[in-house]
Amino acid sequence: MFKGAKWRSEKNKIKAVFKVQVQATQVPQTGWDSLLVALVPSETGKPSAKTEKVQVHNGACIWGNPVYETVKLSREPKTGKFEGKKYQFIVSNGSSILGRTAVDFAEYADAIEPCSASLSLGASNSTILHVSNSCGTPKGRN
């Protein structure tokens, strides 16, 4: 009997819940009164989560409430590493995009402590998005 697809089941699959906290600094003074951040998985290209819209004060935007994102991860049994799960972080005012950056959640899946990164929203944009990720306990195997 032919069993050609057996190798696919050898991957360890888990669901991990990430707590994502964001803050934007160096926001341009004109045209950006309030902002929101959308998390978009690269696989689908559609927003899976959004922050609330928050006012910009003195070039900074601070979101008080975190976003929780459930990510399905697969671990390669031979290497023990998770396959990449890139998400775009798109910062906009609801109608125009200020900028975008990307985060690979697989890089943070094994982190014990919350991890922070300061990411540029593009070469022609001075705005910095500060992202803090913490991975909750994996929900189990799929």
C-alpha atoms as a PDB file:
ATOM      1  CA  MET A   1       0.000   0.000   0.000  1.00  0.00           C
ATOM      2  CA  PHE A   2       1.245   3.503  -0.853  1.00  0.00           C
ATOM      3  CA  LYS A   3       1.633   5.967   2.057  1.00  0.00           C
ATOM      4  CA  GLY A   4       3.218   8.988   0.399  1.00  0.00           C
ATOM      5  CA  ALA A   5       1.862  11.707   2.698  1.00  0.00           C
ATOM      6  CA  LYS A   6       3.014  10.241   6.019  1.00  0.00           C
ATOM      7  CA  TRP A   7       5.864  12.748   6.442  1.00  0.00           C
ATOM      8  CA  ARG A   8       3.374  15.601   6.802  1.00  0.00           C
ATOM      9  CA  SER A   9       1.943  14.153   9.998  1.00  0.00           C
ATOM     10  CA  GLU A  10       5.374  14.069  11.637  1.00  0.00           C
ATOM     11  CA  LYS A  11       5.293  17.811  12.320  1.00  0.00           C
ATOM     12  CA  ASN A  12       4.291  18.898  15.801  1.00  0.00           C
ATOM     13  CA  LYS A  13       1.392  21.304  15.407  1.00  0.00           C
ATOM     14  CA  ILE A  14       0.328  23.687  18.144  1.00  0.00           C
ATOM     15  CA  LYS A  15      -1.843  26.749  18.612  1.00  0.00           C
ATOM     16  CA  ALA A  16      -0.133  29.558  20.467  1.00  0.00           C
ATOM     17  CA  VAL A  17      -1.806  32.715  21.716  1.00  0.00           C
ATOM     18  CA  PHE A  18       0.326  35.843  21.425  1.00  0.00           C
ATOM     19  CA  LYS A  19      -0.345  38.973  23.423  1.00  0.00           C
ATOM     20  CA  VAL A  20       0.709  41.891  21.217  1.00  0.00           C
ATOM     21  CA  GLN A  21       1.150  45.409  22.602  1.00  0.00           C
ATOM     22  CA  VAL A  22       2.009  48.239  20.180  1.00  0.00           C
ATOM     23  CA  GLN A  23       3.099  51.867  20.341  1.00  0.00           C
ATOM     24  CA  ALA A  24       4.029  54.253  17.518  1.00  0.00           C
ATOM     25  CA  THR A  25       6.530  57.094  17.835  1.00  0.00           C
ATOM     26  CA  GLN A  26       7.736  59.826  15.487  1.00  0.00           C
ATOM     27  CA  VAL A  27       4.317  60.011  13.816  1.00  0.00           C
ATOM     28  CA  PRO A  28       4.109  62.879  11.267  1.00  0.00           C
ATOM     29  CA  GLN A  29       2.263  65.931  12.606  1.00  0.00           C
ATOM     30  CA  THR A  30       0.004  66.496   9.603  1.00  0.00           C
ATOM     31  CA  GLY A  31      -2.679  64.151   8.328  1.00  0.00           C
ATOM     32  CA  TRP A  32      -2.479  61.568  11.114  1.00  0.00           C
ATOM     33  CA  ASP A  33      -4.831  62.552  13.935  1.00  0.00           C
ATOM     34  CA  SER A  34      -5.686  58.996  14.968  1.00  0.00           C
ATOM     35  CA  LEU A  35      -4.286  55.572  14.053  1.00  0.00           C
ATOM     36  CA  LEU A  36      -5.039  51.879  14.234  1.00  0.00           C
ATOM     37  CA  VAL A  37      -2.907  48.788  13.628  1.00  0.00           C
ATOM     38  CA  ALA A  38      -4.110  45.769  11.644  1.00  0.00           C
ATOM     39  CA  LEU A  39      -2.405  42.367  11.939  1.00  0.00           C
ATOM     40  CA  VAL A  40      -2.431  40.594   8.578  1.00  0.00           C
ATOM     41  CA  PRO A  41      -1.123  37.029   8.149  1.00  0.00           C
ATOM     42  CA  SER A  42       1.066  36.841   5.035  1.00  0.00           C
ATOM     43  CA  GLU A  43      -0.641  33.555   4.119  1.00  0.00           C
ATOM     44  CA  THR A  44      -4.111  35.077   3.768  1.00  0.00           C
ATOM     45  CA  GLY A  45      -3.531  38.784   3.154  1.00  0.00           C
ATOM     46  CA  LYS A  46      -6.659  39.601   5.201  1.00  0.00           C
ATOM     47  CA  PRO A  47      -6.676  41.297   8.615  1.00  0.00           C
ATOM     48  CA  SER A  48      -7.098  38.832  11.473  1.00  0.00           C
ATOM     49  CA  ALA A  49      -7.026  41.420  14.282  1.00  0.00           C
ATOM     50  CA  LYS A  50      -7.110  45.190  14.717  1.00  0.00           C
ATOM     51  CA  THR A  51      -6.432  47.593  17.530  1.00  0.00           C
ATOM     52  CA  GLU A  52      -8.912  50.294  18.399  1.00  0.00           C
ATOM     53  CA  LYS A  53      -8.394  53.709  16.817  1.00  0.00           C
ATOM     54  CA  VAL A  54      -6.334  55.946  19.132  1.00  0.00           C
ATOM     55  CA  GLN A  55      -5.513  59.666  19.017  1.00  0.00           C
ATOM     56  CA  VAL A  56      -1.969  60.788  18.203  1.00  0.00           C
ATOM     57  CA  HIS A  57      -0.460  63.056  20.894  1.00  0.00           C
ATOM     58  CA  ASN A  58       2.875  64.857  20.391  1.00  0.00           C
ATOM     59  CA  GLY A  59       3.922  62.463  17.622  1.00  0.00           C
ATOM     60  CA  ALA A  60       3.167  59.316  19.628  1.00  0.00           C
ATOM     61  CA  CYS A  61       0.310  56.852  19.649  1.00  0.00           C
ATOM     62  CA  ILE A  62      -0.126  54.441  22.555  1.00  0.00           C
ATOM     63  CA  TRP A  63      -2.657  51.620  22.474  1.00  0.00           C
ATOM     64  CA  GLY A  64      -3.710  50.697  26.005  1.00  0.00           C
ATOM     65  CA  ASN A  65      -5.377  47.409  25.154  1.00  0.00           C
ATOM     66  CA  PRO A  66      -3.315  44.521  23.769  1.00  0.00           C
ATOM     67  CA  VAL A  67      -4.359  42.406  20.800  1.00  0.00           C
ATOM     68  CA  TYR A  68      -4.497  38.637  21.246  1.00  0.00           C
ATOM     69  CA  GLU A  69      -3.658  36.608  18.162  1.00  0.00           C
ATOM     70  CA  THR A  70      -3.949  32.818  17.924  1.00  0.00           C
ATOM     71  CA  VAL A  71      -1.292  31.421  15.593  1.00  0.00           C
ATOM     72  CA  LYS A  72      -1.059  27.851  14.318  1.00  0.00           C
ATOM     73  CA  LEU A  73       2.571  26.750  14.377  1.00  0.00           C
ATOM     74  CA  SER A  74       4.300  23.649  13.044  1.00  0.00           C
ATOM     75  CA  ARG A  75       7.578  22.413  14.502  1.00  0.00           C
ATOM     76  CA  GLU A  76       9.969  20.425  12.330  1.00  0.00           C
ATOM     77  CA  PRO A  77      10.814  17.225  14.252  1.00  0.00           C
ATOM     78  CA  LYS A  78      14.384  17.023  12.938  1.00  0.00           C
ATOM     79  CA  THR A  79      15.443  20.609  13.655  1.00  0.00           C
ATOM     80  CA  GLY A  80      13.041  21.460  16.492  1.00  0.00           C
ATOM     81  CA  LYS A  81      12.380  24.875  14.931  1.00  0.00           C
ATOM     82  CA  PHE A  82       8.993  26.349  14.125  1.00  0.00           C
ATOM     83  CA  GLU A  83       8.124  27.119  10.512  1.00  0.00           C
ATOM     84  CA  GLY A  84       7.817  30.837   9.818  1.00  0.00           C
ATOM     85  CA  LYS A  85       4.519  32.656  10.452  1.00  0.00           C
ATOM     86  CA  LYS A  86       4.964  36.191   9.147  1.00  0.00           C
ATOM     87  CA  TYR A  87       2.399  38.841   9.913  1.00  0.00           C
ATOM     88  CA  GLN A  88       2.222  42.327   8.434  1.00  0.00           C
ATOM     89  CA  PHE A  89       1.533  45.142  10.889  1.00  0.00           C
ATOM     90  CA  ILE A  90      -0.274  47.832   8.891  1.00  0.00           C
ATOM     91  CA  VAL A  91      -0.603  51.248  10.542  1.00  0.00           C
ATOM     92  CA  SER A  92      -3.360  53.449   9.124  1.00  0.00           C
ATOM     93  CA  ASN A  93      -5.975  56.032   9.977  1.00  0.00           C
ATOM     94  CA  GLY A  94      -8.702  53.787   8.586  1.00  0.00           C
ATOM     95  CA  SER A  95      -8.535  55.113   5.029  1.00  0.00           C
ATOM     96  CA  SER A  96      -4.839  55.805   4.310  1.00  0.00           C
ATOM     97  CA  ILE A  97      -1.849  53.651   5.203  1.00  0.00           C
ATOM     98  CA  LEU A  98       0.943  55.349   7.152  1.00  0.00           C
ATOM     99  CA  GLY A  99       3.250  52.355   6.812  1.00  0.00           C
ATOM    100  CA  ARG A 100       3.795  48.658   7.342  1.00  0.00           C
ATOM    101  CA  THR A 101       6.298  46.283   8.849  1.00  0.00           C
ATOM    102  CA  ALA A 102       6.488  42.521   9.430  1.00  0.00           C
ATOM    103  CA  VAL A 103       6.991  40.202  12.396  1.00  0.00           C
ATOM    104  CA  ASP A 104       7.580  36.433  12.286  1.00  0.00           C
ATOM    105  CA  PHE A 105       5.655  35.012  15.257  1.00  0.00           C
ATOM    106  CA  ALA A 106       7.554  31.704  14.976  1.00  0.00           C
ATOM    107  CA  GLU A 107      10.660  33.508  16.261  1.00  0.00           C
ATOM    108  CA  TYR A 108       8.848  34.302  19.531  1.00  0.00           C
ATOM    109  CA  ALA A 109       7.061  30.981  20.141  1.00  0.00           C
ATOM    110  CA  ASP A 110       9.684  29.598  22.539  1.00  0.00           C
ATOM    111  CA  ALA A 111      10.350  32.892  24.349  1.00  0.00           C
ATOM    112  CA  ILE A 112       9.893  32.697  28.104  1.00  0.00           C
ATOM    113  CA  GLU A 113       9.882  36.461  28.705  1.00  0.00           C
ATOM    114  CA  PRO A 114       8.025  39.094  26.641  1.00  0.00           C
ATOM    115  CA  CYS A 115      10.090  40.263  23.668  1.00  0.00           C
ATOM    116  CA  SER A 116      10.170  43.789  22.268  1.00  0.00           C
ATOM    117  CA  ALA A 117      11.207  45.113  18.874  1.00  0.00           C
ATOM    118  CA  SER A 118      11.325  48.608  17.383  1.00  0.00           C
ATOM    119  CA  LEU A 119      10.491  48.440  13.696  1.00  0.00           C
ATOM    120  CA  SER A 120      10.572  51.105  10.992  1.00  0.00           C
ATOM    121  CA  LEU A 121       7.416  51.523   8.931  1.00  0.00           C
ATOM    122  CA  GLY A 122       9.371  52.016   5.715  1.00  0.00           C
ATOM    123  CA  ALA A 123      12.351  53.756   4.176  1.00  0.00           C
ATOM    124  CA  SER A 124      10.440  56.968   3.372  1.00  0.00           C
ATOM    125  CA  ASN A 125       8.759  57.067   6.780  1.00  0.00           C
ATOM    126  CA  SER A 126      10.326  58.089  10.089  1.00  0.00           C
ATOM    127  CA  THR A 127       7.597  56.442  12.210  1.00  0.00           C
ATOM    128  CA  ILE A 128       8.729  53.626  14.490  1.00  0.00           C
ATOM    129  CA  LEU A 129       6.369  50.868  15.632  1.00  0.00           C
ATOM    130  CA  HIS A 130       7.329  49.380  18.983  1.00  0.00           C
ATOM    131  CA  VAL A 131       5.962  45.838  19.289  1.00  0.00           C
ATOM    132  CA  SER A 132       5.953  43.739  22.448  1.00  0.00           C
ATOM    133  CA  ASN A 133       5.096  40.041  22.029  1.00  0.00           C
ATOM    134  CA  SER A 134       4.522  37.445  24.661  1.00  0.00           C
ATOM    135  CA  CYS A 135       3.467  33.910  23.872  1.00  0.00           C
ATOM    136  CA  GLY A 136       1.007  32.244  26.185  1.00  0.00           C
ATOM    137  CA  THR A 137       1.074  28.548  26.843  1.00  0.00           C
ATOM    138  CA  PRO A 138       0.409  26.597  23.650  1.00  0.00           C
ATOM    139  CA  LYS A 139      -3.178  25.381  23.485  1.00  0.00           C
ATOM    140  CA  GLY A 140      -2.164  21.885  22.410  1.00  0.00           C
ATOM    141  CA  ARG A 141      -1.841  19.884  19.263  1.00  0.00           C
ATOM    142  CA  ASN A 142      -4.125  20.195  16.309  1.00  0.00           C
END
